[in-house]
Structure formats: structure tokens, C-alpha cells
Amino acid sequence: MIRFESDYTQGAVPQILDALLKTNMEQTPGYGEDKYCLSAADKIRKELGRDDLAVHFLVGGTQTNFTFIASCLRPHEGVISASTGHINVHETGAVEATGHKILPIPSFDGKINAQQIEEMVVAHENDASFEHITKPKMVYLSMPTENGTIYSNSELEAIYDCCKRKNLILYIDGARLGYALMCKENDVAFSDLPNLCDAFYIGGTKVGALFGEALVIVNDRYKEDFRYIEKQKGAMLAKGRLLGLQFDTLFTDGLYFEISKHAMKLADKIRDAFKEKGIKLLYDSPTNQLFPMLTDEEMNKLKNDFSFSYWGKFDGLNAVRFCTSWATQESDVAALLKAINEL
């Protein structure tokens, strides 16, 4: 069975495993104060072209999301998200368990826009009972989204302008950030991100690391005392060097971007194969997540040799998800392309 159901089924890039083995018996300070965390943070700041950014390393995406969101919001404040957003549908109420309501905006393709955000905020401001209603204070976006779609530079600029006008915090979930940055349709440079939001995170779990995410806090207002909240939420890893070493490796010699580009090259091949076969895609996803719409017969044939995720029934067809990753093998993709062609 060849697996395409997610982008975190394998371990880590060999360079990380080599680095972990090589440094295994070293003694370092704990809780992210070791030389590897410091080096990784410096490399990320250099790549982003800003030396004033706070960089923190956490274990996973859900943990990063609820820890940062909880650190920013007061008890009566909530976070705006696409209805399909990870914090709304795939985190078991983790953000709401910290006391902050998620305010969903309906979305089919995973994206929301500046107009929708402004309309929600204005509706709250104009409600006669506004003090009885959770106050919108943060906007949560994913780049790419849960549906593999991406935001353009101009879309992010418009959303951030809206956030600044309406005194909202803009936070971007980058669990699959490398794949968004390396897809052909993307026009957002890595170094653009600090100018487009108040904070974002760089996903490692899905992009080459064993585990780990790098939270980058841009706005000075949210840097102070973050480590207190990080510790309180159980997000401060005692052996923090295990996170720092992984990101130090990923951000050496462009490795993070190189492995992301590999995933995108193979995703493009699979996308083209489905399109050439006349199989429609549910979303216009240019990244590593592909959502072909299959007949029962087509889906059952592919199930014989490949695993993939079932997404839902649309217009009588089965929408499924195929993912590529940094670890996807050319030979596995070749086998899938052959199977698609034979449908």
C-alpha cells in the first residue's frame, strides 16, 4: 500500500536524524535557551530580513495555536476564522478550552477576505447589545488553508489593512507554509510575511521535522511575557534543543525550501494527471493537497493500491484528498500516475 493520505506519515529528513545522533550526548541548557535554539532563531530572522522578531519553538500546531491565541486575548475576546479553519474544526475545541470563542465565517475553499472580516466587526460594533456578545479581536488565517488554497500578497495586504483599521490581531497558521511558498501560483515571499501580519508560525511537523513549529511574533505588543504563557500551557519543552536543532538544520543551506519544492513538483504531476484524465478537482488547490472528485468505481480501483483521505460527497461524486510531502518518492508517484491513466 502506497500512502498519500497525509503529509506527516514519515519521520524526518536524514539531515535532522544525523544531527540528532551527532549531538545526542551533548549537555545543553533546557527550555529553549540552548545554542541550537538560538542559532535556529537567528537563521530564521536572517531569512526573513528582520532582527527584531521573537522566535519560539513549540511541539505541534494545535499547541502553537491555542498558546499564542490565549496569550493575546482578554477573557471577553474571540478569534475570527474561516468555518473550515483548523482551530474551528480539527482541534477539539482547544482554543475555546482556553476561554476564547471562535467566530466562524462561512467558507467553501478555506479562505476569508477583508470585506467579510470588516462586516463581522461592524455588525458587532453596531449591535445594541454588543457588550453581551464576544468581541472580535483576532483574525486567524492558514497559509495554505485546510483546502490547499493560498492567499495572494494583495489579499493578505487587504486583510492586514482591515485588521489595523479595526484594531484586530492578524495571526497566520503556517503548518504547511513551505508548500504554499514553493507552489507556482504563490506571490508571497518568505520575507514578506513579517510585513503582512502580527505573528505566524513556520510548520516543521509537516515539512521535514520529526515534530515542531517555529512561532514568529512580529508585533512587540505580543512578545512580552510570552514565555510565561508558553510554560503555563505546557508548551515549553524541557529538552528544547530537540526543536532548535531541527529548525537549525531545516534553515541551513535552504533545506526547508528545497524539500518543499520537491513536494510541489510531485503534486503538480499528480494534479496534471487527474486533469488530463478529465477528473475535476473540488478546490482550486495549487499546493500539496489535491482533492479529485471520483466515481465510486474510480475510488474503489485506486483504493486497491493507494491510501488517501475521504473528504465528502459533492454532486454525486466522492471528493478525496491526496497529499505529497518532502518525503514522497518519485517511484510512488509514477505508480499513482499509471493507475490514474488506467482508470
Protein backbone atom coordinates (compact mmCIF):
# COMPACT_ATOMS: atom_id res chain seq x y z
CA MET A 1 0.00 0.00 0.00
CA ILE A 2 1.36 3.40 -1.02
CA ARG A 3 0.21 6.15 1.33
CA PHE A 4 -0.93 9.58 0.17
CA GLU A 5 -3.45 10.41 2.91
CA SER A 6 -1.33 12.98 4.74
CA ASP A 7 1.99 14.81 4.76
CA TYR A 8 3.20 13.63 8.17
CA THR A 9 3.35 9.85 7.77
CA GLN A 10 7.16 9.67 7.67
CA GLY A 11 9.80 10.65 10.21
CA ALA A 12 12.24 13.41 9.31
CA VAL A 13 14.77 14.40 6.69
CA PRO A 14 18.02 12.41 7.10
CA GLN A 15 19.96 15.60 7.91
CA ILE A 16 17.89 16.04 11.08
CA LEU A 17 18.36 12.44 12.17
CA ASP A 18 22.12 12.76 11.59
CA ALA A 19 22.24 15.99 13.61
CA LEU A 20 20.24 14.47 16.49
CA LEU A 21 22.51 11.43 16.62
CA LYS A 22 25.68 13.51 16.39
CA THR A 23 24.64 15.78 19.28
CA ASN A 24 22.85 13.17 21.37
CA MET A 25 25.30 13.14 24.27
CA GLU A 26 25.88 16.88 24.41
CA GLN A 27 24.79 18.70 27.54
CA THR A 28 22.86 21.92 26.95
CA PRO A 29 20.63 24.28 28.94
CA GLY A 30 16.93 23.44 28.79
CA TYR A 31 13.70 25.18 27.83
CA GLY A 32 14.89 26.66 24.55
CA GLU A 33 17.89 28.52 25.93
CA ASP A 34 20.46 26.29 24.24
CA LYS A 35 22.80 27.21 21.40
CA TYR A 36 20.76 25.32 18.79
CA CYS A 37 17.54 27.22 19.51
CA LEU A 38 19.47 30.49 19.47
CA SER A 39 21.15 29.58 16.18
CA ALA A 40 17.88 28.47 14.58
CA ALA A 41 16.14 31.68 15.64
CA ASP A 42 19.00 33.74 14.18
CA LYS A 43 18.81 31.85 10.87
CA ILE A 44 15.05 32.37 10.65
CA ARG A 45 15.41 36.09 11.40
CA LYS A 46 18.13 36.37 8.76
CA GLU A 47 15.97 34.59 6.17
CA LEU A 48 13.10 36.95 7.00
CA GLY A 49 15.36 40.01 6.85
CA ARG A 50 14.38 41.28 10.31
CA ASP A 51 16.45 41.15 13.50
CA ASP A 52 13.61 42.34 15.77
CA LEU A 53 11.46 39.19 15.55
CA ALA A 54 10.77 36.95 18.55
CA VAL A 55 11.09 33.26 17.62
CA HIS A 56 9.78 30.48 19.86
CA PHE A 57 9.83 26.74 19.23
CA LEU A 58 6.81 24.62 20.17
CA VAL A 59 5.97 20.96 19.61
CA GLY A 60 2.83 20.98 17.46
CA GLY A 61 0.39 23.12 15.53
CA THR A 62 -2.60 22.86 17.86
CA GLN A 63 -0.37 23.69 20.82
CA THR A 64 1.11 26.66 18.99
CA ASN A 65 -2.31 27.97 18.01
CA PHE A 66 -4.00 27.85 21.38
CA THR A 67 -0.92 29.04 23.27
CA PHE A 68 -0.40 32.13 21.12
CA ILE A 69 -4.10 32.96 20.83
CA ALA A 70 -4.58 32.65 24.59
CA SER A 71 -1.55 34.87 25.20
CA CYS A 72 -3.06 37.72 23.18
CA LEU A 73 -6.74 37.80 24.05
CA ARG A 74 -8.58 39.12 27.09
CA PRO A 75 -11.36 36.96 28.57
CA HIS A 76 -14.19 38.57 26.56
CA GLU A 77 -12.40 38.44 23.19
CA GLY A 78 -12.66 35.89 20.40
CA VAL A 79 -10.92 34.96 17.16
CA ILE A 80 -12.36 35.19 13.65
CA SER A 81 -11.71 32.15 11.46
CA ALA A 82 -12.93 30.56 8.27
CA SER A 83 -15.57 27.96 9.13
CA THR A 84 -13.14 25.39 7.70
CA GLY A 85 -10.19 26.70 9.77
CA HIS A 86 -8.11 24.19 11.69
CA ILE A 87 -8.85 25.85 15.04
CA ASN A 88 -12.58 25.58 14.31
CA VAL A 89 -12.89 22.01 13.07
CA HIS A 90 -9.76 19.97 13.86
CA GLU A 91 -8.53 20.97 17.31
CA THR A 92 -11.21 19.51 19.61
CA GLY A 93 -12.12 22.95 20.90
CA ALA A 94 -8.56 23.62 22.12
CA VAL A 95 -8.81 27.40 21.67
CA GLU A 96 -12.27 27.52 23.23
CA ALA A 97 -10.98 25.44 26.15
CA THR A 98 -8.72 28.41 26.95
CA GLY A 99 -11.85 30.57 27.25
CA HIS A 100 -11.90 32.23 23.84
CA LYS A 101 -14.76 31.72 21.41
CA ILE A 102 -14.09 31.11 17.73
CA LEU A 103 -16.16 33.32 15.43
CA PRO A 104 -16.51 31.43 12.12
CA ILE A 105 -17.09 33.00 8.71
CA PRO A 106 -18.65 30.62 6.15
CA SER A 107 -16.08 29.45 3.60
CA PHE A 108 -16.06 26.73 0.96
CA ASP A 109 -12.46 26.95 -0.22
CA GLY A 110 -10.92 27.72 3.17
CA LYS A 111 -10.35 31.44 2.56
CA ILE A 112 -11.94 34.57 4.00
CA ASN A 113 -11.49 38.14 2.84
CA ALA A 114 -11.18 41.65 4.20
CA GLN A 115 -14.78 42.57 3.44
CA GLN A 116 -16.14 39.59 5.38
CA ILE A 117 -13.94 40.43 8.35
CA GLU A 118 -14.97 44.09 8.35
CA GLU A 119 -18.65 43.19 8.08
CA MET A 120 -18.40 40.93 11.13
CA VAL A 121 -16.64 43.59 13.19
CA VAL A 122 -19.03 46.37 12.12
CA ALA A 123 -22.02 44.15 12.92
CA HIS A 124 -20.65 43.71 16.43
CA GLU A 125 -19.96 47.43 16.84
CA ASN A 126 -23.50 48.31 15.70
CA ASP A 127 -25.29 45.74 17.82
CA ALA A 128 -27.24 47.38 20.63
CA SER A 129 -26.17 44.52 22.91
CA PHE A 130 -22.50 44.49 21.86
CA GLU A 131 -21.32 44.10 25.46
CA HIS A 132 -23.29 40.86 25.69
CA ILE A 133 -21.51 39.37 22.68
CA THR A 134 -17.95 38.03 22.31
CA LYS A 135 -15.78 40.81 20.92
CA PRO A 136 -13.84 40.02 17.71
CA LYS A 137 -10.18 40.74 18.42
CA MET A 138 -8.07 38.41 16.30
CA VAL A 139 -8.19 37.04 12.76
CA TYR A 140 -6.83 33.54 12.17
CA LEU A 141 -5.75 32.54 8.65
CA SER A 142 -3.97 29.46 7.31
CA MET A 143 -1.35 29.62 4.55
CA PRO A 144 -2.10 27.31 2.83
CA THR A 145 -5.65 26.67 4.02
CA GLU A 146 -7.14 23.35 5.08
CA ASN A 147 -8.33 23.02 1.49
CA GLY A 148 -4.91 23.61 -0.07
CA THR A 149 -5.73 27.11 -1.29
CA ILE A 150 -3.45 30.12 -0.80
CA TYR A 151 -3.72 33.85 -0.20
CA SER A 152 -2.11 36.28 -2.61
CA ASN A 153 0.07 39.13 -1.41
CA SER A 154 -2.67 41.63 -2.22
CA GLU A 155 -5.28 39.60 -0.31
CA LEU A 156 -3.09 39.48 2.78
CA GLU A 157 -2.34 43.19 2.49
CA ALA A 158 -6.07 43.97 2.34
CA ILE A 159 -6.81 41.76 5.34
CA TYR A 160 -3.96 43.25 7.39
CA ASP A 161 -5.06 46.79 6.50
CA CYS A 162 -8.55 45.91 7.71
CA CYS A 163 -7.13 44.44 10.91
CA LYS A 164 -5.10 47.56 11.64
CA ARG A 165 -8.10 49.83 11.00
CA LYS A 166 -10.32 47.72 13.22
CA ASN A 167 -7.70 47.09 15.93
CA LEU A 168 -7.54 43.35 15.28
CA ILE A 169 -4.57 40.98 15.62
CA LEU A 170 -3.69 39.03 12.48
CA TYR A 171 -2.20 35.57 13.04
CA ILE A 172 -1.26 33.11 10.28
CA ASP A 173 -1.09 29.34 10.78
CA GLY A 174 1.78 28.05 8.64
CA ALA A 175 1.56 24.32 9.30
CA ARG A 176 2.26 23.71 5.60
CA LEU A 177 3.90 27.06 4.92
CA GLY A 178 6.78 25.65 2.86
CA TYR A 179 4.38 24.11 0.36
CA ALA A 180 2.50 27.38 -0.06
CA LEU A 181 5.70 29.34 -0.59
CA MET A 182 7.02 26.92 -3.19
CA CYS A 183 3.90 26.48 -5.32
CA LYS A 184 3.94 28.08 -8.77
CA GLU A 185 0.93 30.35 -8.17
CA ASN A 186 2.31 31.91 -4.97
CA ASP A 187 3.46 35.54 -4.99
CA VAL A 188 4.17 35.86 -1.24
CA ALA A 189 7.88 35.75 -0.43
CA PHE A 190 9.01 34.34 2.92
CA SER A 191 10.45 37.75 3.76
CA ASP A 192 7.06 39.39 3.07
CA LEU A 193 5.38 37.66 5.98
CA PRO A 194 6.54 39.96 8.82
CA ASN A 195 5.00 42.87 6.92
CA LEU A 196 1.66 41.11 6.45
CA CYS A 197 0.69 40.01 9.97
CA ASP A 198 1.35 40.34 13.70
CA ALA A 199 2.53 36.75 14.09
CA PHE A 200 2.81 33.50 12.15
CA TYR A 201 4.33 30.09 12.54
CA ILE A 202 6.59 28.03 10.33
CA GLY A 203 5.44 24.43 10.19
CA GLY A 204 8.02 21.72 10.77
CA THR A 205 5.87 18.69 11.61
CA LYS A 206 4.52 18.50 8.05
CA VAL A 207 7.65 19.89 6.38
CA GLY A 208 10.64 17.71 7.20
CA ALA A 209 10.88 17.72 11.01
CA LEU A 210 10.07 14.88 13.40
CA PHE A 211 7.90 17.43 15.20
CA GLY A 212 7.92 21.13 15.94
CA GLU A 213 6.74 24.55 14.82
CA ALA A 214 8.56 27.90 14.91
CA LEU A 215 6.33 30.74 16.13
CA VAL A 216 7.44 34.15 14.88
CA ILE A 217 5.99 37.12 16.79
CA VAL A 218 6.31 40.36 14.84
CA ASN A 219 4.29 42.85 16.88
CA ASP A 220 6.15 43.99 20.01
CA ARG A 221 2.89 44.14 21.95
CA TYR A 222 2.60 40.34 21.97
CA LYS A 223 6.22 39.48 22.68
CA GLU A 224 6.29 40.47 26.34
CA ASP A 225 5.80 37.61 28.80
CA PHE A 226 5.01 35.07 26.08
CA ARG A 227 7.29 32.51 27.73
CA TYR A 228 5.21 32.71 30.91
CA ILE A 229 2.11 31.70 28.93
CA GLU A 230 4.10 29.10 26.99
CA LYS A 231 5.16 27.43 30.24
CA GLN A 232 1.69 27.70 31.78
CA LYS A 233 0.12 25.97 28.77
CA GLY A 234 2.60 23.07 28.91
CA ALA A 235 4.22 24.21 25.68
CA MET A 236 7.77 24.81 26.93
CA LEU A 237 9.75 21.67 26.14
CA ALA A 238 12.41 20.86 28.74
CA LYS A 239 14.64 19.35 26.05
CA GLY A 240 14.06 22.37 23.86
CA ARG A 241 17.23 21.72 21.95
CA LEU A 242 15.43 18.91 20.12
CA LEU A 243 13.27 21.58 18.47
CA GLY A 244 16.04 24.10 17.93
CA LEU A 245 18.35 21.57 16.32
CA GLN A 246 15.66 20.54 13.84
CA PHE A 247 14.94 24.10 12.72
CA ASP A 248 18.62 24.94 12.71
CA THR A 249 19.04 22.08 10.23
CA LEU A 250 15.98 23.00 8.15
CA PHE A 251 17.20 26.57 7.78
CA THR A 252 20.74 25.65 6.77
CA ASP A 253 21.54 25.96 3.05
CA GLY A 254 17.87 26.44 2.10
CA LEU A 255 16.86 22.89 3.06
CA TYR A 256 13.32 23.89 4.15
CA PHE A 257 12.58 25.43 0.78
CA GLU A 258 14.31 22.68 -1.20
CA ILE A 259 12.25 19.87 0.35
CA SER A 260 9.06 21.90 -0.03
CA LYS A 261 9.81 22.40 -3.71
CA HIS A 262 10.22 18.63 -4.08
CA ALA A 263 6.71 18.06 -2.69
CA MET A 264 5.26 20.64 -5.04
CA LYS A 265 6.95 19.19 -8.12
CA LEU A 266 5.33 15.82 -7.44
CA ALA A 267 1.95 17.34 -6.53
CA ASP A 268 1.92 19.15 -9.87
CA LYS A 269 2.45 15.84 -11.69
CA ILE A 270 -0.48 14.23 -9.89
CA ARG A 271 -2.72 17.26 -10.46
CA ASP A 272 -1.93 17.25 -14.17
CA ALA A 273 -2.67 13.53 -14.38
CA PHE A 274 -6.14 13.94 -12.87
CA LYS A 275 -6.91 16.90 -15.13
CA GLU A 276 -5.69 15.11 -18.25
CA LYS A 277 -7.99 12.23 -17.35
CA GLY A 278 -10.92 14.65 -17.15
CA ILE A 279 -11.28 14.28 -13.38
CA LYS A 280 -12.35 17.52 -11.72
CA LEU A 281 -10.80 18.87 -8.53
CA LEU A 282 -13.06 20.09 -5.72
CA TYR A 283 -10.88 23.10 -4.89
CA ASP A 284 -8.51 25.17 -6.97
CA SER A 285 -5.63 23.99 -4.80
CA PRO A 286 -2.15 24.78 -6.13
CA THR A 287 -0.33 23.27 -3.14
CA ASN A 288 0.48 19.73 -1.96
CA GLN A 289 -3.11 18.81 -1.08
CA LEU A 290 -5.19 17.64 -4.06
CA PHE A 291 -8.93 16.94 -3.97
CA PRO A 292 -10.05 14.92 -7.03
CA MET A 293 -13.73 14.06 -7.40
CA LEU A 294 -14.06 10.36 -8.18
CA THR A 295 -16.85 8.00 -9.09
CA ASP A 296 -17.38 5.02 -6.77
CA GLU A 297 -15.69 2.79 -9.35
CA GLU A 298 -12.65 5.08 -9.71
CA MET A 299 -12.27 5.44 -5.95
CA ASN A 300 -12.51 1.70 -5.32
CA LYS A 301 -9.93 0.95 -8.03
CA LEU A 302 -7.42 3.38 -6.53
CA LYS A 303 -8.11 2.00 -3.04
CA ASN A 304 -6.56 -1.32 -4.04
CA ASP A 305 -3.03 0.08 -4.04
CA PHE A 306 -3.17 3.57 -2.52
CA SER A 307 -4.42 5.10 0.72
CA PHE A 308 -5.96 8.58 0.69
CA SER A 309 -8.44 10.57 2.77
CA TYR A 310 -12.17 10.69 2.11
CA TRP A 311 -13.42 14.30 2.08
CA GLY A 312 -17.13 14.05 1.30
CA LYS A 313 -19.84 13.64 -1.31
CA PHE A 314 -20.28 16.50 -3.78
CA ASP A 315 -22.59 16.44 -6.82
CA GLY A 316 -22.79 12.67 -6.63
CA LEU A 317 -19.01 12.23 -6.68
CA ASN A 318 -16.53 11.33 -3.94
CA ALA A 319 -14.10 14.09 -3.06
CA VAL A 320 -10.89 12.59 -1.68
CA ARG A 321 -7.55 14.05 -0.65
CA PHE A 322 -4.12 13.07 -1.92
CA CYS A 323 -1.09 14.67 -0.24
CA THR A 324 2.53 14.83 -1.26
CA SER A 325 5.29 15.80 1.13
CA TRP A 326 9.02 16.31 1.48
CA ALA A 327 9.31 12.50 1.69
CA THR A 328 7.18 11.47 -1.29
CA GLN A 329 9.05 9.12 -3.61
CA GLU A 330 9.21 9.60 -7.38
CA SER A 331 8.53 5.88 -7.83
CA ASP A 332 5.34 6.06 -5.73
CA VAL A 333 4.07 8.99 -7.80
CA ALA A 334 4.91 7.11 -11.01
CA ALA A 335 2.79 4.20 -9.79
CA LEU A 336 -0.11 6.55 -8.99
CA LEU A 337 0.14 8.28 -12.36
CA LYS A 338 -0.07 4.88 -14.08
CA ALA A 339 -3.13 3.96 -12.02
CA ILE A 340 -4.85 7.26 -12.80
CA ASN A 341 -4.17 6.81 -16.50
CA GLU A 342 -5.71 3.33 -16.38
CA LEU A 343 -8.96 4.43 -14.72
